[in-house]
Amino acid sequence: MPRIARLTFLLVWLGGTAGALAPQTDSEPFGELSTLELLSRSAEASEALEARLLAVDAAIAAEWAELVAEPAAGIFRLLPPGKHDRHIKVVGGGASYSMDRREHVGGTGAELTWAGGKLKAGAQPLRVGNTTFSMGAGGSMIWKLGSVPLAGLSGDVLPAGLDDDGRGNWDYLLRPPQRGTVFLGTNQGMKPEHRKRGFVATIAPNAAATYLLRTEPTPGAMRVYAFRVPSVGEDGAVVVWRRLAARGQVRSMRASFAGWLPRAVERKVRRPLESFPSELVDAPLESVAERVEALQSAADARVHAIPAEVRERYKGFLAAPGTRAIRLLPAGEFDMALSGLGGASGYSFFAKSHDHTQHPELRYILNTTPRGALEQFQFTGMNTGGIHDLGDFPIEAFLKPDQVAREMRAGEREAWDEFRKQRFRGSSSNRQAAVVLGHTYLLRTSGGNDRDVFIAFRVAQADALGVTLVFTGIER
């Protein structure tokens, strides 16, 4: 379903009122636009800017057009890490790419990353709290094949002109996947056998050379790519590639890490650059970036505003220390329209942020089905933990956690005691919960590190765009 059509459907399905779509006051930026119009324009401008930043130069694209047209080949641009994080809706700002998935990714699944003028096998290291994870494809290694043309190269045919060592390396890289994988982040992390063969994890690319990349994304799976880097500059690097071999099924890295790793925006089909209005395509890049930032800022303010009736109804609760009201919007609906990553669909109670890079513990999911809308809260904490629905239990009771058990019924008290345990682990049964207006929930992460949180929250309001929650932290 097209983005705007789906957004309109969402608003109608959730019972959106005319007020939710009506223009605001002219005193605020873009106040003449309704909320739907503002979100639509912001998303379109953001998509156009992203398309321009990731576009491959026309001359390079034309040079490699015949190869790129093949089903197992492609071309992409990698951007300098940190330079365009504000405008690229992917963790890492477009510095990492997955040829297997044919998209820029961050955190998991990348086969190549651009950083410091060099290409690295895998993704950028991911820092969470005090821990750094070396992310990307496991068992990754790069070998300089030399001046062998990329066109016509096949995994089934040994290239001409290789010496004995070259033929041995070719056979080694194209062999079936082995048991176990090795996660590599630097050249020093290579096995002695690999270093002896001349395999590396990082290269300073030569435009005249062809390289091979072997990666074992998950146990039992293997991919081998040949690639060239025809362009390198301040705006990153352009990589053209073709797949030489593929064995096994690549499992989702998110499943392996309990669902908390950040990933690319769950975008709709990417629009070609020529499909955008001329003012977004022909205007200077800086002016388009300024317009995107202005639109996103206005959209942020509009959708994150706490409704007056919620502030009034929970005035006493919100006056207490450690309490707050937030908005959550459906995952995948407003990613391009709002600033940051995640489209305000998740929230990190630890970091006090909606941004997906902060690893939210809670996410709001909306699926439309023939039978109706299915709304769920999803636990996405990086540690073990979960969510429990306490029904209509009053959120105000948690302002005095030492007395709250007295007001609970037996089933509620059992969940309360379980969530308060020092070594609370959670289970698959409490990693999601139905969204119910007026219900109160417990959320707990447990891992013994600096991100351990314990929260009680309540669905204070549901409207055309999302839900409003009020919450308080609980000290154990």
Protein backbone atom coordinates (compact mmCIF):
# COMPACT_ATOMS: atom_id res chain seq x y z
CA MET A 1 0.00 0.00 0.00
CA PRO A 2 1.47 3.45 -0.89
CA ARG A 3 2.76 5.46 2.07
CA ILE A 4 0.17 8.25 1.98
CA ALA A 5 -2.71 5.87 1.32
CA ARG A 6 -1.62 3.72 4.27
CA LEU A 7 -1.24 6.80 6.46
CA THR A 8 -4.74 7.95 5.56
CA PHE A 9 -6.09 4.46 6.26
CA LEU A 10 -4.33 4.49 9.63
CA LEU A 11 -5.93 7.76 10.63
CA VAL A 12 -9.42 6.63 9.64
CA TRP A 13 -8.99 3.20 11.24
CA LEU A 14 -7.97 4.60 14.58
CA GLY A 15 -10.96 6.90 14.58
CA GLY A 16 -9.19 10.10 13.64
CA THR A 17 -11.28 13.20 14.08
CA ALA A 18 -11.37 16.27 11.93
CA GLY A 19 -9.51 18.09 14.67
CA ALA A 20 -6.57 15.75 14.39
CA LEU A 21 -6.23 16.57 10.70
CA ALA A 22 -7.17 20.21 10.82
CA PRO A 23 -4.72 23.05 10.16
CA GLN A 24 -3.17 24.61 13.24
CA THR A 25 -2.69 28.28 14.02
CA ASP A 26 -0.75 30.41 11.57
CA SER A 27 1.59 31.50 14.38
CA GLU A 28 3.45 28.16 14.38
CA PRO A 29 5.74 27.01 11.51
CA PHE A 30 3.68 25.40 8.74
CA GLY A 31 0.60 26.15 10.84
CA GLU A 32 -1.54 26.41 7.70
CA LEU A 33 -1.03 22.68 7.09
CA SER A 34 -3.06 19.92 8.65
CA THR A 35 -1.11 17.29 10.58
CA LEU A 36 -1.50 14.80 7.73
CA GLU A 37 -0.30 17.37 5.16
CA LEU A 38 2.67 18.30 7.35
CA LEU A 39 3.70 14.67 7.83
CA SER A 40 3.29 13.96 4.12
CA ARG A 41 5.41 16.94 3.01
CA SER A 42 8.05 16.22 5.61
CA ALA A 43 8.32 12.56 4.55
CA GLU A 44 8.55 13.45 0.86
CA ALA A 45 11.25 16.07 1.40
CA SER A 46 13.21 13.70 3.64
CA GLU A 47 13.02 10.90 1.07
CA ALA A 48 14.17 13.24 -1.70
CA LEU A 49 17.15 14.46 0.34
CA GLU A 50 18.15 10.91 1.21
CA ALA A 51 17.88 9.87 -2.44
CA ARG A 52 20.15 12.74 -3.49
CA LEU A 53 22.75 11.99 -0.83
CA LEU A 54 22.91 8.30 -1.78
CA ALA A 55 22.76 8.83 -5.55
CA VAL A 56 25.63 7.49 -7.70
CA ASP A 57 27.11 9.99 -10.18
CA ALA A 58 25.44 9.67 -13.58
CA ALA A 59 28.72 9.04 -15.43
CA ILE A 60 29.70 6.18 -13.11
CA ALA A 61 26.20 4.69 -13.23
CA ALA A 62 26.27 4.77 -17.04
CA GLU A 63 29.70 3.13 -17.16
CA TRP A 64 28.55 0.17 -15.09
CA ALA A 65 24.93 0.02 -16.27
CA GLU A 66 25.30 -3.27 -18.17
CA LEU A 67 26.81 -5.09 -15.20
CA VAL A 68 24.42 -3.57 -12.67
CA ALA A 69 21.46 -4.77 -14.75
CA GLU A 70 22.38 -8.37 -13.91
CA PRO A 71 20.22 -9.99 -11.18
CA ALA A 72 23.16 -10.71 -8.84
CA ALA A 73 24.95 -7.36 -9.17
CA GLY A 74 24.53 -3.77 -8.06
CA ILE A 75 26.03 -0.39 -7.30
CA PHE A 76 25.80 1.82 -4.21
CA ARG A 77 27.32 4.81 -2.45
CA LEU A 78 28.73 4.71 1.07
CA LEU A 79 28.75 7.98 3.02
CA PRO A 80 31.30 9.10 5.61
CA PRO A 81 30.09 7.96 9.06
CA GLY A 82 28.60 10.76 11.13
CA LYS A 83 28.39 13.28 8.28
CA HIS A 84 24.74 12.74 7.33
CA ASP A 85 23.30 10.96 10.35
CA ARG A 86 20.62 13.62 10.67
CA HIS A 87 19.33 13.06 7.14
CA ILE A 88 19.81 9.33 6.46
CA LYS A 89 17.21 7.17 8.17
CA VAL A 90 19.59 4.29 8.86
CA VAL A 91 21.83 3.71 11.89
CA GLY A 92 25.31 4.83 10.82
CA GLY A 93 24.11 7.44 8.34
CA GLY A 94 24.59 5.40 5.16
CA ALA A 95 28.16 4.30 5.91
CA SER A 96 27.35 0.55 5.80
CA TYR A 97 25.68 -1.59 3.14
CA SER A 98 24.31 -5.13 2.79
CA MET A 99 24.67 -6.56 -0.70
CA ASP A 100 22.64 -9.58 0.38
CA ARG A 101 19.69 -7.34 1.35
CA ARG A 102 20.48 -4.61 -1.22
CA GLU A 103 20.10 -1.77 1.25
CA HIS A 104 22.05 0.49 3.56
CA VAL A 105 21.94 -0.99 7.05
CA GLY A 106 23.38 -0.26 10.46
CA GLY A 107 24.09 -2.39 13.48
CA THR A 108 23.56 -5.77 11.82
CA GLY A 109 24.07 -7.45 8.49
CA ALA A 110 26.43 -5.04 6.71
CA GLU A 111 29.13 -6.54 4.52
CA LEU A 112 31.02 -3.31 3.78
CA THR A 113 31.52 -0.08 5.75
CA TRP A 114 33.25 3.16 4.77
CA ALA A 115 35.25 4.86 7.53
CA GLY A 116 38.37 7.03 7.56
CA GLY A 117 38.91 6.73 3.82
CA LYS A 118 38.97 2.93 3.97
CA LEU A 119 36.62 0.03 3.35
CA LYS A 120 36.03 -2.41 6.18
CA ALA A 121 34.43 -5.84 6.04
CA GLY A 122 31.36 -5.74 8.28
CA ALA A 123 29.58 -2.87 10.06
CA GLN A 124 30.73 -0.12 12.39
CA PRO A 125 31.26 -1.15 16.02
CA LEU A 126 28.09 -0.61 18.01
CA ARG A 127 28.44 0.96 21.46
CA VAL A 128 25.66 0.39 24.01
CA GLY A 129 26.26 1.67 27.52
CA ASN A 130 29.74 0.50 28.49
CA THR A 131 29.83 -2.32 25.93
CA THR A 132 31.11 -2.22 22.34
CA PHE A 133 29.96 -4.87 19.87
CA SER A 134 31.88 -5.62 16.67
CA MET A 135 28.96 -5.90 14.29
CA GLY A 136 28.34 -7.07 10.76
CA ALA A 137 29.06 -10.26 8.93
CA GLY A 138 31.02 -12.98 10.69
CA GLY A 139 34.13 -14.62 9.23
CA SER A 140 34.59 -11.68 6.84
CA MET A 141 37.77 -11.23 4.82
CA ILE A 142 38.85 -9.24 1.76
CA TRP A 143 41.41 -10.27 -0.84
CA LYS A 144 42.84 -8.12 -3.62
CA LEU A 145 42.31 -10.13 -6.79
CA GLY A 146 44.13 -7.58 -8.93
CA SER A 147 43.32 -6.12 -12.33
CA VAL A 148 40.94 -8.93 -13.32
CA PRO A 149 37.88 -7.31 -14.97
CA LEU A 150 34.71 -7.45 -12.93
CA ALA A 151 32.58 -8.04 -16.03
CA GLY A 152 32.38 -11.72 -16.84
CA LEU A 153 33.81 -12.83 -13.48
CA SER A 154 32.09 -16.00 -12.24
CA GLY A 155 32.44 -18.15 -9.17
CA ASP A 156 32.35 -21.24 -11.39
CA VAL A 157 35.35 -20.29 -13.53
CA LEU A 158 38.90 -19.71 -12.30
CA PRO A 159 40.14 -16.33 -13.59
CA ALA A 160 43.04 -16.49 -16.05
CA GLY A 161 46.49 -15.30 -15.03
CA LEU A 162 46.47 -16.34 -11.37
CA ASP A 163 49.63 -17.87 -9.94
CA ASP A 164 49.61 -20.89 -7.60
CA ASP A 165 48.99 -18.74 -4.51
CA GLY A 166 46.21 -16.88 -6.28
CA ARG A 167 44.49 -20.08 -7.34
CA GLY A 168 44.77 -21.39 -3.78
CA ASN A 169 43.23 -18.22 -2.36
CA TRP A 170 40.43 -18.33 -4.93
CA ASP A 171 39.54 -21.90 -3.99
CA TYR A 172 39.80 -21.08 -0.26
CA LEU A 173 37.40 -18.13 -0.47
CA LEU A 174 34.85 -20.04 -2.57
CA ARG A 175 34.83 -23.19 -0.45
CA PRO A 176 31.58 -24.19 1.33
CA PRO A 177 30.89 -22.64 4.76
CA GLN A 178 32.82 -24.15 7.64
CA ARG A 179 31.62 -24.94 11.15
CA GLY A 180 31.58 -21.85 13.39
CA THR A 181 32.38 -18.25 12.47
CA VAL A 182 34.96 -15.68 13.50
CA PHE A 183 33.89 -12.09 14.09
CA LEU A 184 36.54 -9.75 12.74
CA GLY A 185 36.83 -6.04 13.36
CA THR A 186 40.44 -5.22 12.43
CA ASN A 187 43.28 -6.68 10.41
CA GLN A 188 44.88 -7.72 13.72
CA GLY A 189 41.85 -9.93 14.34
CA MET A 190 42.65 -12.14 11.36
CA LYS A 191 43.80 -15.71 11.91
CA PRO A 192 47.50 -16.29 11.15
CA GLU A 193 46.51 -18.48 8.20
CA HIS A 194 44.42 -15.66 6.75
CA ARG A 195 47.17 -13.06 7.16
CA LYS A 196 49.63 -15.41 5.49
CA ARG A 197 47.31 -15.68 2.50
CA GLY A 198 47.06 -11.87 2.27
CA PHE A 199 43.46 -11.63 3.47
CA VAL A 200 42.55 -8.44 5.34
CA ALA A 201 39.54 -6.87 7.03
CA THR A 202 40.25 -3.29 5.88
CA ILE A 203 41.53 -1.85 2.59
CA ALA A 204 42.45 1.50 1.08
CA PRO A 205 40.73 0.81 -2.24
CA ASN A 206 42.42 1.11 -5.63
CA ALA A 207 40.05 2.03 -8.46
CA ALA A 208 41.95 -0.20 -10.89
CA ALA A 209 41.71 -3.32 -8.70
CA THR A 210 39.04 -5.98 -8.22
CA TYR A 211 38.54 -7.40 -4.71
CA LEU A 212 36.86 -10.49 -3.33
CA LEU A 213 34.86 -10.42 -0.11
CA ARG A 214 33.88 -13.62 1.67
CA THR A 215 31.45 -13.41 4.54
CA GLU A 216 29.71 -15.98 6.75
CA PRO A 217 26.73 -13.99 8.08
CA THR A 218 25.38 -16.82 10.23
CA PRO A 219 26.51 -20.41 10.83
CA GLY A 220 26.04 -22.55 7.74
CA ALA A 221 25.67 -19.56 5.40
CA MET A 222 28.29 -18.07 3.08
CA ARG A 223 28.40 -15.26 0.51
CA VAL A 224 31.26 -14.30 -1.83
CA TYR A 225 31.26 -11.02 -3.74
CA ALA A 226 33.61 -9.46 -6.26
CA PHE A 227 33.68 -5.66 -6.18
CA ARG A 228 35.41 -2.54 -7.41
CA VAL A 229 35.52 0.98 -6.01
CA PRO A 230 35.42 3.35 -9.02
CA SER A 231 35.06 6.53 -6.94
CA VAL A 232 36.48 7.72 -3.62
CA GLY A 233 36.19 11.24 -2.21
CA GLU A 234 35.00 13.50 0.59
CA ASP A 235 31.43 12.32 -0.03
CA GLY A 236 32.36 8.68 0.52
CA ALA A 237 32.87 5.86 -1.95
CA VAL A 238 30.98 4.18 -4.78
CA VAL A 239 31.09 0.38 -4.89
CA VAL A 240 30.02 -1.80 -7.82
CA TRP A 241 29.65 -5.51 -7.15
CA ARG A 242 28.51 -8.91 -8.33
CA ARG A 243 27.81 -12.02 -6.29
CA LEU A 244 29.99 -15.04 -7.09
CA ALA A 245 28.61 -17.59 -4.61
CA ALA A 246 25.83 -18.01 -2.06
CA ARG A 247 25.29 -20.97 0.27
CA GLY A 248 22.78 -21.41 3.07
CA GLN A 249 20.05 -19.24 4.58
CA VAL A 250 21.00 -16.06 6.43
CA ARG A 251 19.21 -15.89 9.79
CA SER A 252 18.09 -12.58 11.24
CA MET A 253 20.69 -11.14 13.61
CA ARG A 254 17.88 -9.47 15.55
CA ALA A 255 16.56 -12.85 16.65
CA SER A 256 19.99 -13.76 17.96
CA PHE A 257 20.23 -10.61 20.09
CA ALA A 258 16.74 -10.58 21.65
CA GLY A 259 15.38 -7.97 19.25
CA TRP A 260 17.12 -4.90 20.63
CA LEU A 261 19.71 -4.16 17.92
CA PRO A 262 18.95 -1.08 15.83
CA ARG A 263 18.17 -1.65 12.20
CA ALA A 264 17.29 0.29 9.11
CA VAL A 265 13.93 2.00 8.85
CA GLU A 266 11.25 -0.42 7.66
CA ARG A 267 10.75 1.69 4.58
CA LYS A 268 8.36 1.31 1.69
CA VAL A 269 9.77 0.93 -1.84
CA ARG A 270 12.43 3.60 -2.41
CA ARG A 271 11.31 6.18 -4.97
CA PRO A 272 13.58 7.08 -7.90
CA LEU A 273 15.02 10.57 -7.67
CA GLU A 274 13.25 11.77 -10.83
CA SER A 275 9.83 11.07 -9.26
CA PHE A 276 10.16 13.91 -6.72
CA PRO A 277 9.02 17.51 -7.33
CA SER A 278 11.59 19.62 -9.17
CA GLU A 279 12.06 21.98 -6.21
CA LEU A 280 13.41 19.05 -4.19
CA VAL A 281 15.59 17.69 -7.02
CA ASP A 282 17.01 20.87 -8.58
CA ALA A 283 17.42 23.15 -5.56
CA PRO A 284 20.84 23.33 -3.85
CA LEU A 285 21.33 20.42 -1.47
CA GLU A 286 21.84 22.77 1.48
CA SER A 287 18.47 24.46 0.97
CA VAL A 288 16.67 21.11 0.72
CA ALA A 289 18.40 19.99 3.94
CA GLU A 290 17.25 23.18 5.67
CA ARG A 291 13.67 22.61 4.51
CA VAL A 292 13.73 19.01 5.73
CA GLU A 293 14.96 20.09 9.14
CA ALA A 294 12.28 22.78 9.39
CA LEU A 295 9.51 20.39 8.36
CA GLN A 296 10.69 17.66 10.74
CA SER A 297 11.01 20.11 13.61
CA ALA A 298 7.43 21.29 13.06
CA ALA A 299 6.19 17.71 12.74
CA ASP A 300 8.03 16.71 15.92
CA ALA A 301 6.40 19.51 17.87
CA ARG A 302 2.96 18.67 16.48
CA VAL A 303 2.92 14.92 17.15
CA HIS A 304 4.75 14.97 20.49
CA ALA A 305 2.46 17.56 22.06
CA ILE A 306 0.71 16.05 25.09
CA PRO A 307 -3.07 16.59 24.78
CA ALA A 308 -4.48 19.14 27.21
CA GLU A 309 -7.06 16.67 28.51
CA VAL A 310 -4.28 14.24 29.51
CA ARG A 311 -2.35 16.97 31.30
CA GLU A 312 -5.50 17.95 33.17
CA ARG A 313 -6.72 14.43 34.03
CA TYR A 314 -3.30 13.35 35.33
CA LYS A 315 -2.28 16.71 36.78
CA GLY A 316 -1.74 15.36 40.27
CA PHE A 317 0.19 12.30 39.08
CA LEU A 318 2.44 14.31 36.74
CA ALA A 319 3.27 16.76 39.53
CA ALA A 320 5.08 13.98 41.41
CA PRO A 321 8.87 13.54 40.95
CA GLY A 322 9.94 10.94 38.39
CA THR A 323 6.72 11.02 36.35
CA ARG A 324 6.25 11.97 32.72
CA ALA A 325 3.87 11.82 29.77
CA ILE A 326 5.04 10.75 26.29
CA ARG A 327 3.59 10.01 22.88
CA LEU A 328 4.18 6.81 20.89
CA LEU A 329 3.34 6.50 17.19
CA PRO A 330 2.89 3.30 15.15
CA ALA A 331 6.13 1.67 14.01
CA GLY A 332 6.94 2.15 10.34
CA GLU A 333 4.42 4.93 9.67
CA PHE A 334 6.25 8.19 10.37
CA ASP A 335 9.94 7.25 10.15
CA MET A 336 10.74 9.61 7.29
CA ALA A 337 8.55 12.47 8.52
CA LEU A 338 10.14 12.95 11.96
CA SER A 339 13.67 13.65 13.12
CA GLY A 340 15.82 10.88 14.54
CA LEU A 341 15.35 7.19 13.87
CA GLY A 342 12.28 5.11 14.55
CA GLY A 343 9.47 7.59 13.88
CA ALA A 344 8.73 8.00 17.63
CA SER A 345 7.46 4.41 17.72
CA GLY A 346 9.72 3.47 20.63
CA TYR A 347 10.95 5.00 23.86
CA SER A 348 14.00 4.45 26.01
CA PHE A 349 13.08 5.11 29.64
CA PHE A 350 16.77 4.85 30.48
CA ALA A 351 17.94 7.44 27.93
CA LYS A 352 14.67 9.45 28.01
CA SER A 353 14.62 9.44 24.22
CA HIS A 354 12.45 8.27 21.31
CA ASP A 355 15.47 7.88 19.04
CA HIS A 356 16.03 4.30 17.90
CA THR A 357 19.79 4.62 18.35
CA GLN A 358 19.18 4.83 22.11
CA HIS A 359 17.79 1.27 22.11
CA PRO A 360 14.22 1.81 23.37
CA GLU A 361 12.80 -0.66 25.84
CA LEU A 362 9.23 -0.21 24.55
CA ARG A 363 7.83 -0.09 21.01
CA TYR A 364 4.30 0.50 19.72
CA ILE A 365 3.23 -1.78 16.84
CA LEU A 366 0.08 -1.41 14.74
CA ASN A 367 -0.91 -4.06 12.19
CA THR A 368 -3.99 -3.66 10.03
CA THR A 369 -5.80 -6.91 9.26
CA PRO A 370 -9.08 -7.79 7.51
CA ARG A 371 -10.61 -8.18 10.97
CA GLY A 372 -9.38 -4.89 12.34
CA ALA A 373 -6.38 -3.12 13.81
CA LEU A 374 -4.08 -5.15 16.02
CA GLU A 375 -2.18 -2.92 18.45
CA GLN A 376 0.65 -4.21 20.62
CA PHE A 377 3.35 -2.99 22.94
CA GLN A 378 6.60 -4.82 22.25
CA PHE A 379 9.43 -5.19 24.73
CA THR A 380 12.68 -4.32 22.93
CA GLY A 381 15.10 -3.88 25.84
CA MET A 382 18.69 -4.96 25.21
CA ASN A 383 18.61 -7.01 28.42
CA THR A 384 16.21 -9.72 29.50
CA GLY A 385 12.86 -8.47 30.72
CA GLY A 386 9.27 -8.02 29.73
CA ILE A 387 5.88 -6.32 30.01
CA HIS A 388 2.83 -7.25 32.10
CA ASP A 389 -0.70 -5.87 31.74
CA LEU A 390 -2.20 -5.04 35.16
CA GLY A 391 -5.58 -4.10 33.72
CA ASP A 392 -7.26 -1.03 35.17
CA PHE A 393 -5.02 -0.91 38.25
CA PRO A 394 -4.47 2.79 39.14
CA ILE A 395 -1.13 4.20 38.00
CA GLU A 396 -1.17 6.60 40.97
CA ALA A 397 -0.62 3.69 43.36
CA PHE A 398 2.97 3.35 42.13
CA LEU A 399 3.87 6.72 43.59
CA LYS A 400 4.14 4.76 46.87
CA PRO A 401 5.73 1.46 45.72
CA ASP A 402 6.21 0.22 49.30
CA GLN A 403 2.42 0.24 49.78
CA VAL A 404 1.24 -0.74 46.28
CA ALA A 405 0.93 -4.47 47.02
CA ARG A 406 -1.85 -3.76 49.53
CA GLU A 407 -4.13 -2.51 46.74
CA MET A 408 -3.45 -5.41 44.37
CA ARG A 409 -5.55 -8.47 43.72
CA ALA A 410 -3.86 -11.89 43.90
CA GLY A 411 -2.89 -12.12 40.20
CA GLU A 412 -1.61 -8.56 40.17
CA ARG A 413 0.44 -9.12 43.31
CA GLU A 414 2.01 -12.26 41.83
CA ALA A 415 3.20 -10.32 38.76
CA TRP A 416 4.38 -7.46 40.97
CA ASP A 417 6.47 -9.80 43.10
CA GLU A 418 7.96 -11.46 40.01
CA PHE A 419 8.92 -8.18 38.35
CA ARG A 420 10.56 -6.91 41.55
CA LYS A 421 12.99 -9.84 41.76
CA GLN A 422 16.66 -8.90 41.65
CA ARG A 423 17.28 -11.55 38.98
CA PHE A 424 14.08 -11.06 37.01
CA ARG A 425 14.52 -12.77 33.61
CA GLY A 426 11.20 -12.37 31.83
CA SER A 427 9.96 -14.87 29.26
CA SER A 428 8.67 -15.08 25.71
CA SER A 429 5.12 -14.77 27.06
CA ASN A 430 5.66 -11.25 28.36
CA ARG A 431 7.62 -9.69 25.51
CA GLN A 432 4.45 -8.15 24.09
CA ALA A 433 1.05 -7.02 25.36
CA ALA A 434 -2.15 -5.77 23.75
CA VAL A 435 -2.66 -2.01 23.84
CA VAL A 436 -5.76 -1.20 25.88
CA LEU A 437 -6.91 2.31 26.72
CA GLY A 438 -6.95 2.86 30.49
CA HIS A 439 -4.77 -0.14 31.32
CA THR A 440 -1.63 0.03 33.44
CA TYR A 441 1.49 -2.01 32.64
CA LEU A 442 4.75 -3.01 34.28
CA LEU A 443 7.96 -2.93 32.25
CA ARG A 444 11.26 -4.26 33.54
CA THR A 445 14.69 -4.83 32.04
CA SER A 446 17.19 -6.86 34.02
CA GLY A 447 20.81 -7.51 33.24
CA GLY A 448 22.75 -6.14 36.15
CA ASN A 449 24.21 -3.28 34.12
CA ASP A 450 23.62 0.44 33.90
CA ARG A 451 20.47 0.06 31.77
CA ASP A 452 18.36 -1.84 34.29
CA VAL A 453 14.98 -0.05 34.50
CA PHE A 454 11.64 -0.70 36.22
CA ILE A 455 8.64 1.31 34.98
CA ALA A 456 4.87 1.46 35.49
CA PHE A 457 2.98 3.12 32.63
CA ARG A 458 -0.63 3.68 31.63
CA VAL A 459 -2.37 4.26 28.28
CA ALA A 460 -3.88 7.64 29.05
CA GLN A 461 -5.27 8.38 25.58
CA ALA A 462 -5.48 6.92 22.07
CA ASP A 463 -6.10 9.23 19.12
CA ALA A 464 -5.74 9.46 15.36
CA LEU A 465 -1.95 9.39 15.37
CA GLY A 466 -0.96 7.18 18.28
CA VAL A 467 -1.14 6.78 22.04
CA THR A 468 -0.25 8.94 25.03
CA LEU A 469 1.36 7.24 28.02
CA VAL A 470 1.96 8.46 31.56
CA PHE A 471 4.64 6.65 33.55
CA THR A 472 6.74 6.62 36.67
CA GLY A 473 9.97 4.88 37.53
CA ILE A 474 9.96 2.35 40.36
CA GLU A 475 12.85 1.98 42.76
CA ARG A 476 13.56 -1.58 43.88
